[in-house]
């Protein structure tokens, strides 16, 4: 067989490469037809081929994670009885303060407005240039807020979200991307005043349990099912996708989903014990570029 790399003439080389490609496709088709005929005569061959044909994905090729929480892990569930979110799960209702970075622009305020609509107990307060984060946390604790959410922007676009659980932390910082407001979603519905149901998906590790409980503590304890609104945080490949839908019953048998918005994606950058303190804070987890030593698949 002639090696195309040994042919100096460009046109002749292209012709040889094209002929080799045609021959390769012909042999592939011939092999597939032979396999189809054999499987038609013996269906067990097809079942065996399908069982062996397991695709390689990022999820299936990940290394085993020792921090995955099993359903019967008594140690984890015992620690959750006394963690920072225990008061919420014991009945304390959420009260959330939402603000932005200093001198935020219109796009950030628009996102903050729709972000507040996700959480029925959220209040938006415009941030003055004289208020540092630590001062905001102190004022929020004095006014009995349970959480502070700060939406940061970069180049006049919202690009990060910091969630501070009060009064004792923890603090989580997320990169924000793929933002779509309600008006940008085709066929979107109108958001009602009802308290939504909450779905947390794939928050399977110890770190994931912490982040999942942090998200859960932002929502009311008892949803209002008559509103048929569902808020979903879906973790996949270390990205957290947020969607909000309304389910619509049709003829008593079929159910459709109507997206309400907003739509955005979060990626955890760091988790800190206690309230916000970038200088002396104790970091429980930090994302490192190019390193998957501590995945949050986690979540």
C-alpha atoms as a PDB file:
ATOM      1  CA  UNK A   1       0.000   0.000   0.000  1.00  0.00           C
ATOM      2  CA  UNK A   2       1.306   3.425  -0.961  1.00  0.00           C
ATOM      3  CA  UNK A   3       1.957   5.841   1.893  1.00  0.00           C
ATOM      4  CA  UNK A   4       0.492   9.244   0.892  1.00  0.00           C
ATOM      5  CA  UNK A   5       3.249  10.987   2.864  1.00  0.00           C
ATOM      6  CA  UNK A   6       5.809   9.622   0.385  1.00  0.00           C
ATOM      7  CA  UNK A   7       4.083  11.270  -2.596  1.00  0.00           C
ATOM      8  CA  UNK A   8       5.562  14.665  -3.424  1.00  0.00           C
ATOM      9  CA  UNK A   9       2.942  15.796  -5.931  1.00  0.00           C
ATOM     10  CA  UNK A  10       0.100  17.499  -4.076  1.00  0.00           C
ATOM     11  CA  UNK A  11      -2.650  16.612  -6.560  1.00  0.00           C
ATOM     12  CA  UNK A  12      -1.591  12.972  -6.759  1.00  0.00           C
ATOM     13  CA  UNK A  13      -1.340  12.804  -2.945  1.00  0.00           C
ATOM     14  CA  UNK A  14      -4.861  14.180  -2.573  1.00  0.00           C
ATOM     15  CA  UNK A  15      -6.152  11.626  -5.083  1.00  0.00           C
ATOM     16  CA  UNK A  16      -4.541   8.740  -3.190  1.00  0.00           C
ATOM     17  CA  UNK A  17      -5.887   9.983   0.160  1.00  0.00           C
ATOM     18  CA  UNK A  18      -9.388  10.269  -1.304  1.00  0.00           C
ATOM     19  CA  UNK A  19      -9.221   6.738  -2.755  1.00  0.00           C
ATOM     20  CA  UNK A  20      -8.066   5.355   0.595  1.00  0.00           C
ATOM     21  CA  UNK A  21     -10.962   7.104   2.336  1.00  0.00           C
ATOM     22  CA  UNK A  22     -13.452   5.647  -0.145  1.00  0.00           C
ATOM     23  CA  UNK A  23     -12.006   2.170   0.312  1.00  0.00           C
ATOM     24  CA  UNK A  24     -12.135   2.504   4.102  1.00  0.00           C
ATOM     25  CA  UNK A  25     -15.804   3.535   3.994  1.00  0.00           C
ATOM     26  CA  UNK A  26     -16.591   0.649   1.624  1.00  0.00           C
ATOM     27  CA  UNK A  27     -15.028  -1.889   3.969  1.00  0.00           C
ATOM     28  CA  UNK A  28     -16.832  -0.358   6.940  1.00  0.00           C
ATOM     29  CA  UNK A  29     -20.193  -0.603   5.173  1.00  0.00           C
ATOM     30  CA  UNK A  30     -19.461  -4.186   4.142  1.00  0.00           C
ATOM     31  CA  UNK A  31     -18.600  -5.055   7.758  1.00  0.00           C
ATOM     32  CA  UNK A  32     -21.805  -3.442   9.047  1.00  0.00           C
ATOM     33  CA  UNK A  33     -23.945  -5.295   6.524  1.00  0.00           C
ATOM     34  CA  UNK A  34     -22.271  -8.565   7.519  1.00  0.00           C
ATOM     35  CA  UNK A  35     -22.940  -7.813  11.219  1.00  0.00           C
ATOM     36  CA  UNK A  36     -26.575  -6.914  10.493  1.00  0.00           C
ATOM     37  CA  UNK A  37     -27.123 -10.176   8.642  1.00  0.00           C
ATOM     38  CA  UNK A  38     -25.549 -12.208  11.436  1.00  0.00           C
ATOM     39  CA  UNK A  39     -27.626 -10.423  14.109  1.00  0.00           C
ATOM     40  CA  UNK A  40     -30.816 -10.973  12.109  1.00  0.00           C
ATOM     41  CA  UNK A  41     -30.122 -14.716  12.175  1.00  0.00           C
ATOM     42  CA  UNK A  42     -29.059 -14.680  15.841  1.00  0.00           C
ATOM     43  CA  UNK A  43     -30.628 -11.859  17.970  1.00  0.00           C
ATOM     44  CA  UNK A  44     -28.401 -12.781  20.923  1.00  0.00           C
ATOM     45  CA  UNK A  45     -25.404 -11.361  19.031  1.00  0.00           C
ATOM     46  CA  UNK A  46     -27.072  -7.934  18.926  1.00  0.00           C
ATOM     47  CA  UNK A  47     -27.864  -8.011  22.647  1.00  0.00           C
ATOM     48  CA  UNK A  48     -24.258  -8.928  23.409  1.00  0.00           C
ATOM     49  CA  UNK A  49     -22.940  -6.104  21.202  1.00  0.00           C
ATOM     50  CA  UNK A  50     -25.185  -3.514  22.851  1.00  0.00           C
ATOM     51  CA  UNK A  51     -24.136  -4.621  26.334  1.00  0.00           C
ATOM     52  CA  UNK A  52     -20.472  -4.228  25.427  1.00  0.00           C
ATOM     53  CA  UNK A  53     -20.986  -0.901  23.637  1.00  0.00           C
ATOM     54  CA  UNK A  54     -20.687   1.373  26.691  1.00  0.00           C
ATOM     55  CA  UNK A  55     -19.749   4.968  25.719  1.00  0.00           C
ATOM     56  CA  UNK A  56     -16.810   6.633  27.454  1.00  0.00           C
ATOM     57  CA  UNK A  57     -17.877   9.925  29.033  1.00  0.00           C
ATOM     58  CA  UNK A  58     -16.390  12.282  31.587  1.00  0.00           C
ATOM     59  CA  UNK A  59     -18.769  10.919  34.190  1.00  0.00           C
ATOM     60  CA  UNK A  60     -18.056   7.237  33.490  1.00  0.00           C
ATOM     61  CA  UNK A  61     -14.266   7.694  33.391  1.00  0.00           C
ATOM     62  CA  UNK A  62     -13.939   9.691  36.617  1.00  0.00           C
ATOM     63  CA  UNK A  63     -11.866   8.200  39.375  1.00  0.00           C
ATOM     64  CA  UNK A  64     -13.771   6.850  42.362  1.00  0.00           C
ATOM     65  CA  UNK A  65     -14.482   9.551  44.933  1.00  0.00           C
ATOM     66  CA  UNK A  66     -14.161   8.539  48.563  1.00  0.00           C
ATOM     67  CA  UNK A  67     -16.353  11.442  49.688  1.00  0.00           C
ATOM     68  CA  UNK A  68     -19.523  10.136  48.043  1.00  0.00           C
ATOM     69  CA  UNK A  69     -22.236  10.000  50.709  1.00  0.00           C
ATOM     70  CA  UNK A  70     -24.123   6.725  50.881  1.00  0.00           C
ATOM     71  CA  UNK A  71     -27.817   6.709  51.874  1.00  0.00           C
ATOM     72  CA  UNK A  72     -26.958   4.915  55.127  1.00  0.00           C
ATOM     73  CA  UNK A  73     -23.965   7.091  56.126  1.00  0.00           C
ATOM     74  CA  UNK A  74     -24.889   7.771  59.754  1.00  0.00           C
ATOM     75  CA  UNK A  75     -21.805   9.922  60.401  1.00  0.00           C
ATOM     76  CA  UNK A  76     -22.756  12.511  57.769  1.00  0.00           C
ATOM     77  CA  UNK A  77     -26.392  12.698  58.790  1.00  0.00           C
ATOM     78  CA  UNK A  78     -25.437  12.983  62.459  1.00  0.00           C
ATOM     79  CA  UNK A  79     -23.132  15.920  61.697  1.00  0.00           C
ATOM     80  CA  UNK A  80     -25.934  17.650  59.775  1.00  0.00           C
ATOM     81  CA  UNK A  81     -28.006  17.746  62.957  1.00  0.00           C
ATOM     82  CA  UNK A  82     -25.534  20.249  64.433  1.00  0.00           C
ATOM     83  CA  UNK A  83     -24.140  22.068  61.382  1.00  0.00           C
ATOM     84  CA  UNK A  84     -24.658  25.738  60.441  1.00  0.00           C
ATOM     85  CA  UNK A  85     -27.929  24.978  58.615  1.00  0.00           C
ATOM     86  CA  UNK A  86     -29.521  22.994  61.448  1.00  0.00           C
ATOM     87  CA  UNK A  87     -31.578  25.983  62.639  1.00  0.00           C
ATOM     88  CA  UNK A  88     -33.249  26.276  59.225  1.00  0.00           C
ATOM     89  CA  UNK A  89     -34.135  22.580  59.125  1.00  0.00           C
ATOM     90  CA  UNK A  90     -35.434  22.882  62.691  1.00  0.00           C
ATOM     91  CA  UNK A  91     -37.972  25.481  61.609  1.00  0.00           C
ATOM     92  CA  UNK A  92     -36.304  28.920  61.307  1.00  0.00           C
ATOM     93  CA  UNK A  93     -37.780  30.600  58.201  1.00  0.00           C
ATOM     94  CA  UNK A  94     -35.362  32.080  55.639  1.00  0.00           C
ATOM     95  CA  UNK A  95     -34.910  35.831  55.304  1.00  0.00           C
ATOM     96  CA  UNK A  96     -32.527  36.808  52.498  1.00  0.00           C
ATOM     97  CA  UNK A  97     -30.768  40.077  51.756  1.00  0.00           C
ATOM     98  CA  UNK A  98     -29.755  40.439  48.101  1.00  0.00           C
ATOM     99  CA  UNK A  99     -27.402  43.185  46.957  1.00  0.00           C
ATOM    100  CA  UNK A 100     -24.768  43.846  44.280  1.00  0.00           C
ATOM    101  CA  UNK A 101     -21.196  45.009  43.970  1.00  0.00           C
ATOM    102  CA  UNK A 102     -20.495  48.719  44.287  1.00  0.00           C
ATOM    103  CA  UNK A 103     -21.675  50.948  41.436  1.00  0.00           C
ATOM    104  CA  UNK A 104     -23.412  48.124  39.605  1.00  0.00           C
ATOM    105  CA  UNK A 105     -24.836  48.654  36.119  1.00  0.00           C
ATOM    106  CA  UNK A 106     -28.319  48.113  34.732  1.00  0.00           C
ATOM    107  CA  UNK A 107     -27.811  44.515  33.565  1.00  0.00           C
ATOM    108  CA  UNK A 108     -26.755  43.482  37.066  1.00  0.00           C
ATOM    109  CA  UNK A 109     -29.775  45.191  38.624  1.00  0.00           C
ATOM    110  CA  UNK A 110     -32.060  43.446  36.116  1.00  0.00           C
ATOM    111  CA  UNK A 111     -30.591  40.063  37.030  1.00  0.00           C
ATOM    112  CA  UNK A 112     -30.784  40.863  40.758  1.00  0.00           C
ATOM    113  CA  UNK A 113     -34.483  41.676  40.392  1.00  0.00           C
ATOM    114  CA  UNK A 114     -35.243  38.332  38.759  1.00  0.00           C
ATOM    115  CA  UNK A 115     -32.912  36.536  41.181  1.00  0.00           C
ATOM    116  CA  UNK A 116     -34.987  37.875  44.073  1.00  0.00           C
ATOM    117  CA  UNK A 117     -38.141  36.512  42.440  1.00  0.00           C
ATOM    118  CA  UNK A 118     -36.759  32.972  42.855  1.00  0.00           C
ATOM    119  CA  UNK A 119     -36.811  33.240  46.644  1.00  0.00           C
ATOM    120  CA  UNK A 120     -40.110  34.425  48.151  1.00  0.00           C
ATOM    121  CA  UNK A 121     -38.374  35.690  51.299  1.00  0.00           C
ATOM    122  CA  UNK A 122     -35.680  37.738  49.508  1.00  0.00           C
ATOM    123  CA  UNK A 123     -35.315  41.521  49.763  1.00  0.00           C
ATOM    124  CA  UNK A 124     -33.159  43.587  47.416  1.00  0.00           C
ATOM    125  CA  UNK A 125     -31.195  46.489  48.889  1.00  0.00           C
ATOM    126  CA  UNK A 126     -29.160  48.797  46.674  1.00  0.00           C
ATOM    127  CA  UNK A 127     -25.585  48.916  47.918  1.00  0.00           C
ATOM    128  CA  UNK A 128     -23.974  52.241  48.738  1.00  0.00           C
ATOM    129  CA  UNK A 129     -20.285  52.768  47.895  1.00  0.00           C
ATOM    130  CA  UNK A 130     -19.407  53.176  51.583  1.00  0.00           C
ATOM    131  CA  UNK A 131     -20.562  49.678  52.605  1.00  0.00           C
ATOM    132  CA  UNK A 132     -17.965  46.905  52.768  1.00  0.00           C
ATOM    133  CA  UNK A 133     -19.065  43.272  52.809  1.00  0.00           C
ATOM    134  CA  UNK A 134     -18.229  42.799  56.486  1.00  0.00           C
ATOM    135  CA  UNK A 135     -20.360  45.819  57.401  1.00  0.00           C
ATOM    136  CA  UNK A 136     -23.249  44.466  55.331  1.00  0.00           C
ATOM    137  CA  UNK A 137     -22.973  41.142  57.173  1.00  0.00           C
ATOM    138  CA  UNK A 138     -23.056  42.917  60.552  1.00  0.00           C
ATOM    139  CA  UNK A 139     -26.147  44.921  59.609  1.00  0.00           C
ATOM    140  CA  UNK A 140     -27.873  41.832  58.210  1.00  0.00           C
ATOM    141  CA  UNK A 141     -27.258  39.866  61.411  1.00  0.00           C
ATOM    142  CA  UNK A 142     -28.660  42.762  63.441  1.00  0.00           C
ATOM    143  CA  UNK A 143     -31.826  42.718  61.319  1.00  0.00           C
ATOM    144  CA  UNK A 144     -32.184  38.935  61.677  1.00  0.00           C
ATOM    145  CA  UNK A 145     -31.471  38.009  58.071  1.00  0.00           C
ATOM    146  CA  UNK A 146     -30.489  34.365  57.579  1.00  0.00           C
ATOM    147  CA  UNK A 147     -28.497  34.855  54.360  1.00  0.00           C
ATOM    148  CA  UNK A 148     -26.763  37.546  52.342  1.00  0.00           C
ATOM    149  CA  UNK A 149     -26.364  37.138  48.565  1.00  0.00           C
ATOM    150  CA  UNK A 150     -23.993  39.476  46.705  1.00  0.00           C
ATOM    151  CA  UNK A 151     -24.094  39.607  42.897  1.00  0.00           C
ATOM    152  CA  UNK A 152     -20.822  40.816  41.401  1.00  0.00           C
ATOM    153  CA  UNK A 153     -20.204  42.078  37.897  1.00  0.00           C
ATOM    154  CA  UNK A 154     -17.290  42.318  35.476  1.00  0.00           C
ATOM    155  CA  UNK A 155     -17.289  44.535  32.387  1.00  0.00           C
ATOM    156  CA  UNK A 156     -20.884  45.555  33.156  1.00  0.00           C
ATOM    157  CA  UNK A 157     -22.072  41.930  33.164  1.00  0.00           C
ATOM    158  CA  UNK A 158     -23.029  39.861  36.238  1.00  0.00           C
ATOM    159  CA  UNK A 159     -20.317  37.218  36.604  1.00  0.00           C
ATOM    160  CA  UNK A 160     -20.242  35.961  40.224  1.00  0.00           C
ATOM    161  CA  UNK A 161     -22.523  35.191  43.172  1.00  0.00           C
ATOM    162  CA  UNK A 162     -21.436  35.050  46.814  1.00  0.00           C
ATOM    163  CA  UNK A 163     -23.770  33.387  49.328  1.00  0.00           C
ATOM    164  CA  UNK A 164     -23.137  34.079  53.033  1.00  0.00           C
ATOM    165  CA  UNK A 165     -25.149  32.076  55.549  1.00  0.00           C
ATOM    166  CA  UNK A 166     -25.784  33.924  58.805  1.00  0.00           C
ATOM    167  CA  UNK A 167     -24.838  34.238  61.542  1.00  0.00           C
ATOM    168  CA  UNK A 168     -21.941  31.743  61.497  1.00  0.00           C
ATOM    169  CA  UNK A 169     -21.366  30.924  57.831  1.00  0.00           C
ATOM    170  CA  UNK A 170     -20.359  29.177  55.694  1.00  0.00           C
ATOM    171  CA  UNK A 171     -19.625  31.416  52.703  1.00  0.00           C
ATOM    172  CA  UNK A 172     -19.646  30.116  49.114  1.00  0.00           C
ATOM    173  CA  UNK A 173     -18.422  31.970  46.033  1.00  0.00           C
ATOM    174  CA  UNK A 174     -19.669  30.917  42.583  1.00  0.00           C
ATOM    175  CA  UNK A 175     -18.729  31.923  39.070  1.00  0.00           C
ATOM    176  CA  UNK A 176     -21.894  32.984  37.208  1.00  0.00           C
ATOM    177  CA  UNK A 177     -22.357  32.342  33.479  1.00  0.00           C
ATOM    178  CA  UNK A 178     -24.938  31.654  30.767  1.00  0.00           C
ATOM    179  CA  UNK A 179     -27.416  34.145  32.202  1.00  0.00           C
ATOM    180  CA  UNK A 180     -30.773  34.471  30.442  1.00  0.00           C
ATOM    181  CA  UNK A 181     -33.485  36.667  31.858  1.00  0.00           C
ATOM    182  CA  UNK A 182     -37.173  35.920  31.643  1.00  0.00           C
ATOM    183  CA  UNK A 183     -37.725  38.096  28.578  1.00  0.00           C
ATOM    184  CA  UNK A 184     -34.918  36.346  26.666  1.00  0.00           C
ATOM    185  CA  UNK A 185     -36.481  32.884  26.982  1.00  0.00           C
ATOM    186  CA  UNK A 186     -38.790  31.992  24.144  1.00  0.00           C
ATOM    187  CA  UNK A 187     -42.289  31.020  25.263  1.00  0.00           C
ATOM    188  CA  UNK A 188     -41.595  31.914  28.882  1.00  0.00           C
ATOM    189  CA  UNK A 189     -44.332  32.024  31.474  1.00  0.00           C
ATOM    190  CA  UNK A 190     -45.281  34.667  33.987  1.00  0.00           C
ATOM    191  CA  UNK A 191     -43.883  34.212  37.476  1.00  0.00           C
ATOM    192  CA  UNK A 192     -46.509  33.932  40.190  1.00  0.00           C
ATOM    193  CA  UNK A 193     -46.268  34.818  43.893  1.00  0.00           C
ATOM    194  CA  UNK A 194     -46.400  31.178  45.029  1.00  0.00           C
ATOM    195  CA  UNK A 195     -43.620  29.474  46.962  1.00  0.00           C
ATOM    196  CA  UNK A 196     -41.863  27.019  44.598  1.00  0.00           C
ATOM    197  CA  UNK A 197     -40.966  23.398  45.067  1.00  0.00           C
ATOM    198  CA  UNK A 198     -37.222  22.644  45.130  1.00  0.00           C
ATOM    199  CA  UNK A 199     -35.274  19.915  43.316  1.00  0.00           C
ATOM    200  CA  UNK A 200     -31.589  19.301  44.123  1.00  0.00           C
ATOM    201  CA  UNK A 201     -29.974  16.807  41.765  1.00  0.00           C
ATOM    202  CA  UNK A 202     -26.546  15.097  41.971  1.00  0.00           C
ATOM    203  CA  UNK A 203     -25.308  16.741  45.179  1.00  0.00           C
ATOM    204  CA  UNK A 204     -23.782  13.450  46.256  1.00  0.00           C
ATOM    205  CA  UNK A 205     -20.510  14.129  48.079  1.00  0.00           C
ATOM    206  CA  UNK A 206     -19.867  15.684  51.475  1.00  0.00           C
ATOM    207  CA  UNK A 207     -19.079  18.990  49.797  1.00  0.00           C
ATOM    208  CA  UNK A 208     -22.174  18.545  47.663  1.00  0.00           C
ATOM    209  CA  UNK A 209     -24.321  17.985  50.754  1.00  0.00           C
ATOM    210  CA  UNK A 210     -23.054  21.270  52.210  1.00  0.00           C
ATOM    211  CA  UNK A 211     -23.829  23.223  49.022  1.00  0.00           C
ATOM    212  CA  UNK A 212     -27.176  21.479  48.641  1.00  0.00           C
ATOM    213  CA  UNK A 213     -28.184  22.355  52.199  1.00  0.00           C
ATOM    214  CA  UNK A 214     -27.073  25.943  51.565  1.00  0.00           C
ATOM    215  CA  UNK A 215     -29.398  26.182  48.547  1.00  0.00           C
ATOM    216  CA  UNK A 216     -32.217  24.465  50.438  1.00  0.00           C
ATOM    217  CA  UNK A 217     -31.946  26.969  53.307  1.00  0.00           C
ATOM    218  CA  UNK A 218     -32.812  29.792  50.878  1.00  0.00           C
ATOM    219  CA  UNK A 219     -36.285  28.415  50.162  1.00  0.00           C
ATOM    220  CA  UNK A 220     -39.433  28.292  52.328  1.00  0.00           C
ATOM    221  CA  UNK A 221     -40.050  25.073  54.255  1.00  0.00           C
ATOM    222  CA  UNK A 222     -43.474  24.353  52.741  1.00  0.00           C
ATOM    223  CA  UNK A 223     -44.054  25.004  49.000  1.00  0.00           C
ATOM    224  CA  UNK A 224     -47.403  26.141  47.650  1.00  0.00           C
ATOM    225  CA  UNK A 225     -48.332  23.342  45.288  1.00  0.00           C
ATOM    226  CA  UNK A 226     -51.229  25.233  43.748  1.00  0.00           C
ATOM    227  CA  UNK A 227     -48.678  27.490  42.011  1.00  0.00           C
ATOM    228  CA  UNK A 228     -47.092  24.453  40.266  1.00  0.00           C
ATOM    229  CA  UNK A 229     -43.689  26.176  40.243  1.00  0.00           C
ATOM    230  CA  UNK A 230     -40.470  24.151  40.510  1.00  0.00           C
ATOM    231  CA  UNK A 231     -36.927  25.469  41.029  1.00  0.00           C
ATOM    232  CA  UNK A 232     -34.171  23.024  40.017  1.00  0.00           C
ATOM    233  CA  UNK A 233     -30.449  23.021  40.819  1.00  0.00           C
ATOM    234  CA  UNK A 234     -28.858  20.294  38.695  1.00  0.00           C
ATOM    235  CA  UNK A 235     -25.180  19.502  39.243  1.00  0.00           C
ATOM    236  CA  UNK A 236     -23.292  17.958  36.334  1.00  0.00           C
ATOM    237  CA  UNK A 237     -19.532  17.868  35.732  1.00  0.00           C
ATOM    238  CA  UNK A 238     -18.963  20.443  38.473  1.00  0.00           C
ATOM    239  CA  UNK A 239     -21.412  22.946  36.957  1.00  0.00           C
ATOM    240  CA  UNK A 240     -24.705  23.768  38.664  1.00  0.00           C
ATOM    241  CA  UNK A 241     -27.501  24.530  36.210  1.00  0.00           C
ATOM    242  CA  UNK A 242     -30.506  26.474  37.509  1.00  0.00           C
ATOM    243  CA  UNK A 243     -33.924  26.330  35.854  1.00  0.00           C
ATOM    244  CA  UNK A 244     -37.408  27.326  37.001  1.00  0.00           C
ATOM    245  CA  UNK A 245     -40.535  25.831  35.454  1.00  0.00           C
ATOM    246  CA  UNK A 246     -44.264  25.635  35.840  1.00  0.00           C
ATOM    247  CA  UNK A 247     -45.862  22.265  35.160  1.00  0.00           C
ATOM    248  CA  UNK A 248     -49.167  22.354  33.295  1.00  0.00           C
ATOM    249  CA  UNK A 249     -51.667  19.477  33.387  1.00  0.00           C
ATOM    250  CA  UNK A 250     -53.389  18.627  30.114  1.00  0.00           C
ATOM    251  CA  UNK A 251     -56.525  16.448  29.964  1.00  0.00           C
ATOM    252  CA  UNK A 252     -55.663  15.033  33.368  1.00  0.00           C
ATOM    253  CA  UNK A 253     -53.112  12.689  31.767  1.00  0.00           C
ATOM    254  CA  UNK A 254     -50.297  14.652  30.110  1.00  0.00           C
ATOM    255  CA  UNK A 255     -48.020  17.216  31.744  1.00  0.00           C
ATOM    256  CA  UNK A 256     -46.086  20.001  29.988  1.00  0.00           C
ATOM    257  CA  UNK A 257     -43.342  22.243  31.354  1.00  0.00           C
ATOM    258  CA  UNK A 258     -43.205  25.981  30.799  1.00  0.00           C
ATOM    259  CA  UNK A 259     -39.940  27.709  31.671  1.00  0.00           C
ATOM    260  CA  UNK A 260     -40.295  30.829  33.802  1.00  0.00           C
ATOM    261  CA  UNK A 261     -36.713  32.060  34.057  1.00  0.00           C
ATOM    262  CA  UNK A 262     -34.210  33.277  34.881  1.00  0.00           C
ATOM    263  CA  UNK A 263     -31.715  30.722  33.602  1.00  0.00           C
ATOM    264  CA  UNK A 264     -28.090  30.621  34.732  1.00  0.00           C
ATOM    265  CA  UNK A 265     -25.108  28.380  35.521  1.00  0.00           C
ATOM    266  CA  UNK A 266     -22.957  28.384  38.666  1.00  0.00           C
ATOM    267  CA  UNK A 267     -19.502  26.927  39.307  1.00  0.00           C
ATOM    268  CA  UNK A 268     -18.194  26.773  42.869  1.00  0.00           C
ATOM    269  CA  UNK A 269     -14.879  28.605  43.258  1.00  0.00           C
ATOM    270  CA  UNK A 270     -14.385  28.405  47.005  1.00  0.00           C
ATOM    271  CA  UNK A 271     -16.135  27.501  50.227  1.00  0.00           C
ATOM    272  CA  UNK A 272     -15.128  29.263  53.428  1.00  0.00           C
ATOM    273  CA  UNK A 273     -15.979  28.493  57.025  1.00  0.00           C
ATOM    274  CA  UNK A 274     -17.608  31.382  58.849  1.00  0.00           C
ATOM    275  CA  UNK A 275     -18.767  34.611  57.245  1.00  0.00           C
ATOM    276  CA  UNK A 276     -16.932  36.487  54.499  1.00  0.00           C
ATOM    277  CA  UNK A 277     -13.248  37.074  55.309  1.00  0.00           C
ATOM    278  CA  UNK A 278     -10.768  36.875  52.421  1.00  0.00           C
ATOM    279  CA  UNK A 279      -7.770  37.788  54.604  1.00  0.00           C
ATOM    280  CA  UNK A 280      -8.060  35.520  57.643  1.00  0.00           C
ATOM    281  CA  UNK A 281     -10.852  33.171  56.553  1.00  0.00           C
ATOM    282  CA  UNK A 282     -10.534  29.408  56.857  1.00  0.00           C
ATOM    283  CA  UNK A 283     -11.100  27.959  53.383  1.00  0.00           C
ATOM    284  CA  UNK A 284     -12.732  24.547  53.408  1.00  0.00           C
ATOM    285  CA  UNK A 285     -12.391  24.065  49.636  1.00  0.00           C
ATOM    286  CA  UNK A 286     -10.779  26.039  46.789  1.00  0.00           C
ATOM    287  CA  UNK A 287     -11.033  25.321  43.081  1.00  0.00           C
ATOM    288  CA  UNK A 288      -7.655  25.096  41.361  1.00  0.00           C
ATOM    289  CA  UNK A 289      -7.396  25.579  37.599  1.00  0.00           C
ATOM    290  CA  UNK A 290      -6.305  22.389  35.849  1.00  0.00           C
ATOM    291  CA  UNK A 291      -6.733  20.264  38.950  1.00  0.00           C
ATOM    292  CA  UNK A 292      -9.508  17.771  39.599  1.00  0.00           C
ATOM    293  CA  UNK A 293      -8.007  16.401  42.804  1.00  0.00           C
ATOM    294  CA  UNK A 294     -11.062  17.527  44.776  1.00  0.00           C
ATOM    295  CA  UNK A 295     -13.998  17.367  42.349  1.00  0.00           C
ATOM    296  CA  UNK A 296     -17.373  18.723  43.361  1.00  0.00           C
ATOM    297  CA  UNK A 297     -19.188  16.374  41.223  1.00  0.00           C
ATOM    298  CA  UNK A 298     -19.349  16.419  44.199  1.00  0.00           C
ATOM    299  CA  UNK A 299     -22.063  18.581  44.538  1.00  0.00           C
END
